[in-house]
């Protein structure tokens, strides 16, 4: 890896084929990458490639199962003092 602040992109132009990216980075960034790669027992180039691959993956929200009822659905909003109990009063009698 070279040092500086520019980047060049290249490759053979085939869809899905690997490309070569040359990134000019500061010595501090290079040293940090080297430390992190060494901590994982990897070479700097493969570690940097994995970081790029992770960066382009879409963010996925953790899947939560659907709520079973209204109380469970609104449980994260505790403190709103919502009462989901059914009213036991059937209303007044009507004489026809």
C-alpha atoms as a PDB file:
ATOM      1  CA  UNK A   1       0.000   0.000   0.000  1.00  0.00           C
ATOM      2  CA  UNK A   2       1.232   3.467  -0.765  1.00  0.00           C
ATOM      3  CA  UNK A   3       0.929   6.573   1.343  1.00  0.00           C
ATOM      4  CA  UNK A   4      -0.849   9.859   0.533  1.00  0.00           C
ATOM      5  CA  UNK A   5      -4.478  10.676  -0.213  1.00  0.00           C
ATOM      6  CA  UNK A   6      -5.429   9.570  -3.762  1.00  0.00           C
ATOM      7  CA  UNK A   7      -7.034   6.418  -5.131  1.00  0.00           C
ATOM      8  CA  UNK A   8      -6.897   4.737  -8.544  1.00  0.00           C
ATOM      9  CA  UNK A   9      -9.324   2.074  -9.713  1.00  0.00           C
ATOM     10  CA  UNK A  10      -8.627  -0.495 -12.353  1.00  0.00           C
ATOM     11  CA  UNK A  11      -9.561  -3.931 -13.572  1.00  0.00           C
ATOM     12  CA  UNK A  12     -10.341  -5.882 -16.691  1.00  0.00           C
ATOM     13  CA  UNK A  13     -13.894  -4.522 -16.975  1.00  0.00           C
ATOM     14  CA  UNK A  14     -15.624  -7.902 -16.760  1.00  0.00           C
ATOM     15  CA  UNK A  15     -18.759  -7.933 -14.654  1.00  0.00           C
ATOM     16  CA  UNK A  16     -18.107  -9.735 -11.396  1.00  0.00           C
ATOM     17  CA  UNK A  17     -14.386  -9.975 -11.981  1.00  0.00           C
ATOM     18  CA  UNK A  18     -11.952  -8.758  -9.340  1.00  0.00           C
ATOM     19  CA  UNK A  19     -10.519  -5.272  -9.678  1.00  0.00           C
ATOM     20  CA  UNK A  20      -7.336  -3.750  -8.374  1.00  0.00           C
ATOM     21  CA  UNK A  21      -7.607  -0.664  -6.191  1.00  0.00           C
ATOM     22  CA  UNK A  22      -4.574   1.336  -5.173  1.00  0.00           C
ATOM     23  CA  UNK A  23      -5.240   3.573  -2.191  1.00  0.00           C
ATOM     24  CA  UNK A  24      -2.802   6.171  -0.961  1.00  0.00           C
ATOM     25  CA  UNK A  25      -3.099   6.313   2.836  1.00  0.00           C
ATOM     26  CA  UNK A  26      -1.298   8.072   5.651  1.00  0.00           C
ATOM     27  CA  UNK A  27       1.353   6.210   7.656  1.00  0.00           C
ATOM     28  CA  UNK A  28      -0.951   6.293  10.694  1.00  0.00           C
ATOM     29  CA  UNK A  29      -3.768   4.544   8.815  1.00  0.00           C
ATOM     30  CA  UNK A  30      -1.317   2.036   7.373  1.00  0.00           C
ATOM     31  CA  UNK A  31       0.004   1.240  10.858  1.00  0.00           C
ATOM     32  CA  UNK A  32      -3.520   0.872  12.260  1.00  0.00           C
ATOM     33  CA  UNK A  33      -4.510  -1.467   9.421  1.00  0.00           C
ATOM     34  CA  UNK A  34      -1.346  -3.506   9.974  1.00  0.00           C
ATOM     35  CA  UNK A  35      -2.090  -3.826  13.718  1.00  0.00           C
ATOM     36  CA  UNK A  36      -5.696  -4.877  13.126  1.00  0.00           C
ATOM     37  CA  UNK A  37      -4.700  -7.352  10.410  1.00  0.00           C
ATOM     38  CA  UNK A  38      -1.998  -8.865  12.606  1.00  0.00           C
ATOM     39  CA  UNK A  39      -4.486  -9.223  15.475  1.00  0.00           C
ATOM     40  CA  UNK A  40      -6.590 -11.394  13.171  1.00  0.00           C
ATOM     41  CA  UNK A  41      -3.597 -13.246  11.740  1.00  0.00           C
ATOM     42  CA  UNK A  42      -4.172 -11.864   8.232  1.00  0.00           C
ATOM     43  CA  UNK A  43      -2.208  -9.888   5.702  1.00  0.00           C
ATOM     44  CA  UNK A  44      -2.987  -6.182   5.384  1.00  0.00           C
ATOM     45  CA  UNK A  45      -4.264  -6.514   1.806  1.00  0.00           C
ATOM     46  CA  UNK A  46      -6.760  -9.295   2.574  1.00  0.00           C
ATOM     47  CA  UNK A  47      -7.886  -7.524   5.751  1.00  0.00           C
ATOM     48  CA  UNK A  48      -8.446  -4.246   3.861  1.00  0.00           C
ATOM     49  CA  UNK A  49     -10.367  -6.145   1.152  1.00  0.00           C
ATOM     50  CA  UNK A  50     -12.629  -7.682   3.783  1.00  0.00           C
ATOM     51  CA  UNK A  51     -13.297  -4.221   5.249  1.00  0.00           C
ATOM     52  CA  UNK A  52     -14.344  -2.979   1.800  1.00  0.00           C
ATOM     53  CA  UNK A  53     -16.604  -6.002   1.306  1.00  0.00           C
ATOM     54  CA  UNK A  54     -18.294  -5.363   4.657  1.00  0.00           C
ATOM     55  CA  UNK A  55     -18.757  -1.671   3.833  1.00  0.00           C
ATOM     56  CA  UNK A  56     -20.759  -2.388   0.675  1.00  0.00           C
ATOM     57  CA  UNK A  57     -23.082  -4.958   2.262  1.00  0.00           C
ATOM     58  CA  UNK A  58     -26.552  -3.570   2.937  1.00  0.00           C
ATOM     59  CA  UNK A  59     -27.318  -2.992   6.566  1.00  0.00           C
ATOM     60  CA  UNK A  60     -29.667  -5.628   7.880  1.00  0.00           C
ATOM     61  CA  UNK A  61     -31.889  -5.087  10.856  1.00  0.00           C
ATOM     62  CA  UNK A  62     -32.158  -8.001  13.239  1.00  0.00           C
ATOM     63  CA  UNK A  63     -35.316  -9.976  12.565  1.00  0.00           C
ATOM     64  CA  UNK A  64     -37.774  -9.925  15.441  1.00  0.00           C
ATOM     65  CA  UNK A  65     -40.739 -12.240  15.513  1.00  0.00           C
ATOM     66  CA  UNK A  66     -44.129 -10.576  15.055  1.00  0.00           C
ATOM     67  CA  UNK A  67     -45.982  -9.503  18.178  1.00  0.00           C
ATOM     68  CA  UNK A  68     -48.619 -11.895  19.500  1.00  0.00           C
ATOM     69  CA  UNK A  69     -50.936  -9.167  20.767  1.00  0.00           C
ATOM     70  CA  UNK A  70     -51.223  -5.399  21.255  1.00  0.00           C
ATOM     71  CA  UNK A  71     -49.579  -5.491  24.681  1.00  0.00           C
ATOM     72  CA  UNK A  72     -46.505  -7.232  23.268  1.00  0.00           C
ATOM     73  CA  UNK A  73     -46.439  -4.922  20.251  1.00  0.00           C
ATOM     74  CA  UNK A  74     -46.344  -1.789  22.399  1.00  0.00           C
ATOM     75  CA  UNK A  75     -44.189  -3.242  25.206  1.00  0.00           C
ATOM     76  CA  UNK A  76     -41.142  -1.154  24.123  1.00  0.00           C
ATOM     77  CA  UNK A  77     -43.236   1.961  24.766  1.00  0.00           C
ATOM     78  CA  UNK A  78     -43.639   1.266  28.468  1.00  0.00           C
ATOM     79  CA  UNK A  79     -44.271   4.406  30.424  1.00  0.00           C
ATOM     80  CA  UNK A  80     -47.130   5.581  28.229  1.00  0.00           C
ATOM     81  CA  UNK A  81     -49.522   3.950  30.714  1.00  0.00           C
ATOM     82  CA  UNK A  82     -51.663   2.458  27.985  1.00  0.00           C
ATOM     83  CA  UNK A  83     -54.399   0.127  29.194  1.00  0.00           C
ATOM     84  CA  UNK A  84     -55.268  -2.582  26.682  1.00  0.00           C
ATOM     85  CA  UNK A  85     -57.755  -4.391  28.935  1.00  0.00           C
ATOM     86  CA  UNK A  86     -61.215  -4.796  27.510  1.00  0.00           C
ATOM     87  CA  UNK A  87     -63.944  -2.738  29.167  1.00  0.00           C
ATOM     88  CA  UNK A  88     -66.161  -5.149  31.116  1.00  0.00           C
ATOM     89  CA  UNK A  89     -69.133  -2.753  31.051  1.00  0.00           C
ATOM     90  CA  UNK A  90     -71.541  -3.746  28.278  1.00  0.00           C
ATOM     91  CA  UNK A  91     -73.330  -0.401  28.408  1.00  0.00           C
ATOM     92  CA  UNK A  92     -76.780   0.463  29.678  1.00  0.00           C
ATOM     93  CA  UNK A  93     -79.876  -1.601  29.146  1.00  0.00           C
ATOM     94  CA  UNK A  94     -82.216  -0.434  26.405  1.00  0.00           C
ATOM     95  CA  UNK A  95     -85.966  -0.971  26.767  1.00  0.00           C
ATOM     96  CA  UNK A  96     -87.769  -1.161  23.439  1.00  0.00           C
END
